[in-house]
Amino acid sequence: MTVQTQVPGWAVDDVRRRMDARPQWAPPRVAGVVAATAVLSFLGVFAAVRAGKQADEQSTGRARYWVAFGATMLVKWTVMVAVSSAVTGG
């Protein structure tokens, strides 16, 4: 004979109702990662990590923040090399 105990507040219907009633926040914006990376260079990785964690908590995925970080670093370094070559004449 098995005795089934019901934990108060953990019935399936209660959990579903709470999940539907929880506040929904917008995922972090990619522009924040781009701006932080453009200004802070490699320290922009902290913005990407933070935004990725927040997005993961909301189940929206973190890949776009790492793509934004990588693309911004690539553009920044490309511009820096082009300007340096133009200035030095080489």
C-alpha atoms as a PDB file:
ATOM      1  CA  MET A   1       0.000   0.000   0.000  1.00  0.00           C
ATOM      2  CA  THR A   2       1.437   3.351  -1.016  1.00  0.00           C
ATOM      3  CA  VAL A   3       0.439   6.610   0.507  1.00  0.00           C
ATOM      4  CA  GLN A   4       0.457   9.583  -1.798  1.00  0.00           C
ATOM      5  CA  THR A   5       1.082  12.901  -0.178  1.00  0.00           C
ATOM      6  CA  GLN A   6       0.287  16.159  -1.837  1.00  0.00           C
ATOM      7  CA  VAL A   7       2.635  19.034  -1.127  1.00  0.00           C
ATOM      8  CA  PRO A   8       0.546  22.162  -0.597  1.00  0.00           C
ATOM      9  CA  GLY A   9       0.935  24.609  -3.470  1.00  0.00           C
ATOM     10  CA  TRP A  10       2.635  22.126  -5.786  1.00  0.00           C
ATOM     11  CA  ALA A  11      -0.371  20.762  -7.611  1.00  0.00           C
ATOM     12  CA  VAL A  12       0.118  20.856 -11.365  1.00  0.00           C
ATOM     13  CA  ASP A  13      -2.722  23.305 -11.908  1.00  0.00           C
ATOM     14  CA  ASP A  14      -1.357  25.639  -9.222  1.00  0.00           C
ATOM     15  CA  VAL A  15       2.112  25.636 -10.744  1.00  0.00           C
ATOM     16  CA  ARG A  16       0.759  26.287 -14.245  1.00  0.00           C
ATOM     17  CA  ARG A  17      -1.371  29.141 -12.956  1.00  0.00           C
ATOM     18  CA  ARG A  18       1.634  30.696 -11.202  1.00  0.00           C
ATOM     19  CA  MET A  19       3.813  30.329 -14.293  1.00  0.00           C
ATOM     20  CA  ASP A  20       1.196  32.063 -16.421  1.00  0.00           C
ATOM     21  CA  ALA A  21       0.727  34.845 -13.848  1.00  0.00           C
ATOM     22  CA  ARG A  22       4.435  35.627 -13.382  1.00  0.00           C
ATOM     23  CA  PRO A  23       5.645  38.938 -14.800  1.00  0.00           C
ATOM     24  CA  GLN A  24       7.235  38.760 -18.232  1.00  0.00           C
ATOM     25  CA  TRP A  25      10.287  40.942 -18.755  1.00  0.00           C
ATOM     26  CA  ALA A  26      11.734  41.855 -22.098  1.00  0.00           C
ATOM     27  CA  PRO A  27      15.073  40.168 -22.810  1.00  0.00           C
ATOM     28  CA  PRO A  28      18.180  42.351 -22.543  1.00  0.00           C
ATOM     29  CA  ARG A  29      18.938  44.414 -25.614  1.00  0.00           C
ATOM     30  CA  VAL A  30      21.837  43.607 -27.887  1.00  0.00           C
ATOM     31  CA  ALA A  31      22.585  47.331 -28.175  1.00  0.00           C
ATOM     32  CA  GLY A  32      23.858  47.353 -24.594  1.00  0.00           C
ATOM     33  CA  VAL A  33      26.445  44.696 -25.407  1.00  0.00           C
ATOM     34  CA  VAL A  34      27.457  46.525 -28.593  1.00  0.00           C
ATOM     35  CA  ALA A  35      27.839  49.849 -26.771  1.00  0.00           C
ATOM     36  CA  ALA A  36      29.794  48.325 -23.871  1.00  0.00           C
ATOM     37  CA  THR A  37      32.092  46.463 -26.256  1.00  0.00           C
ATOM     38  CA  ALA A  38      32.647  49.521 -28.457  1.00  0.00           C
ATOM     39  CA  VAL A  39      33.634  51.632 -25.456  1.00  0.00           C
ATOM     40  CA  LEU A  40      35.389  49.077 -23.246  1.00  0.00           C
ATOM     41  CA  SER A  41      36.834  46.636 -25.830  1.00  0.00           C
ATOM     42  CA  PHE A  42      37.512  43.273 -24.187  1.00  0.00           C
ATOM     43  CA  LEU A  43      35.756  44.333 -20.983  1.00  0.00           C
ATOM     44  CA  GLY A  44      32.547  44.214 -23.011  1.00  0.00           C
ATOM     45  CA  VAL A  45      32.650  40.483 -22.307  1.00  0.00           C
ATOM     46  CA  PHE A  46      31.123  41.250 -18.902  1.00  0.00           C
ATOM     47  CA  ALA A  47      28.112  42.849 -20.581  1.00  0.00           C
ATOM     48  CA  ALA A  48      27.745  39.806 -22.842  1.00  0.00           C
ATOM     49  CA  VAL A  49      27.923  37.417 -19.878  1.00  0.00           C
ATOM     50  CA  ARG A  50      25.391  39.421 -17.884  1.00  0.00           C
ATOM     51  CA  ALA A  51      22.943  39.745 -20.785  1.00  0.00           C
ATOM     52  CA  GLY A  52      23.381  36.065 -21.616  1.00  0.00           C
ATOM     53  CA  LYS A  53      22.552  35.006 -18.072  1.00  0.00           C
ATOM     54  CA  GLN A  54      19.450  37.179 -17.999  1.00  0.00           C
ATOM     55  CA  ALA A  55      18.342  35.834 -21.371  1.00  0.00           C
ATOM     56  CA  ASP A  56      18.955  32.266 -20.231  1.00  0.00           C
ATOM     57  CA  GLU A  57      16.728  32.842 -17.205  1.00  0.00           C
ATOM     58  CA  GLN A  58      13.986  33.940 -19.600  1.00  0.00           C
ATOM     59  CA  SER A  59      14.694  31.064 -22.012  1.00  0.00           C
ATOM     60  CA  THR A  60      15.479  33.371 -24.925  1.00  0.00           C
ATOM     61  CA  GLY A  61      19.026  32.153 -25.600  1.00  0.00           C
ATOM     62  CA  ARG A  62      22.404  33.750 -25.163  1.00  0.00           C
ATOM     63  CA  ALA A  63      24.002  33.264 -28.578  1.00  0.00           C
ATOM     64  CA  ARG A  64      22.977  36.635 -30.002  1.00  0.00           C
ATOM     65  CA  TYR A  65      24.894  38.473 -27.257  1.00  0.00           C
ATOM     66  CA  TRP A  66      28.098  36.596 -28.062  1.00  0.00           C
ATOM     67  CA  VAL A  67      27.603  37.251 -31.776  1.00  0.00           C
ATOM     68  CA  ALA A  68      27.110  40.958 -30.991  1.00  0.00           C
ATOM     69  CA  PHE A  69      30.285  40.973 -28.879  1.00  0.00           C
ATOM     70  CA  GLY A  70      32.346  39.204 -31.564  1.00  0.00           C
ATOM     71  CA  ALA A  71      31.017  41.312 -34.428  1.00  0.00           C
ATOM     72  CA  THR A  72      31.620  44.549 -32.530  1.00  0.00           C
ATOM     73  CA  MET A  73      35.188  43.531 -31.685  1.00  0.00           C
ATOM     74  CA  LEU A  74      35.825  42.592 -35.329  1.00  0.00           C
ATOM     75  CA  VAL A  75      34.485  45.914 -36.618  1.00  0.00           C
ATOM     76  CA  LYS A  76      36.356  47.878 -33.966  1.00  0.00           C
ATOM     77  CA  TRP A  77      39.702  46.242 -34.711  1.00  0.00           C
ATOM     78  CA  THR A  78      39.176  46.518 -38.473  1.00  0.00           C
ATOM     79  CA  VAL A  79      38.518  50.252 -38.143  1.00  0.00           C
ATOM     80  CA  MET A  80      41.511  50.689 -35.833  1.00  0.00           C
ATOM     81  CA  VAL A  81      43.859  48.909 -38.268  1.00  0.00           C
ATOM     82  CA  ALA A  82      42.480  50.873 -41.239  1.00  0.00           C
ATOM     83  CA  VAL A  83      42.882  54.212 -39.466  1.00  0.00           C
ATOM     84  CA  SER A  84      46.356  53.281 -38.247  1.00  0.00           C
ATOM     85  CA  SER A  85      47.412  52.319 -41.768  1.00  0.00           C
ATOM     86  CA  ALA A  86      45.987  55.525 -43.218  1.00  0.00           C
ATOM     87  CA  VAL A  87      47.672  57.705 -40.610  1.00  0.00           C
ATOM     88  CA  THR A  88      51.089  56.042 -40.810  1.00  0.00           C
ATOM     89  CA  GLY A  89      50.962  55.767 -44.601  1.00  0.00           C
ATOM     90  CA  GLY A  90      51.539  52.040 -44.605  1.00  0.00           C
END
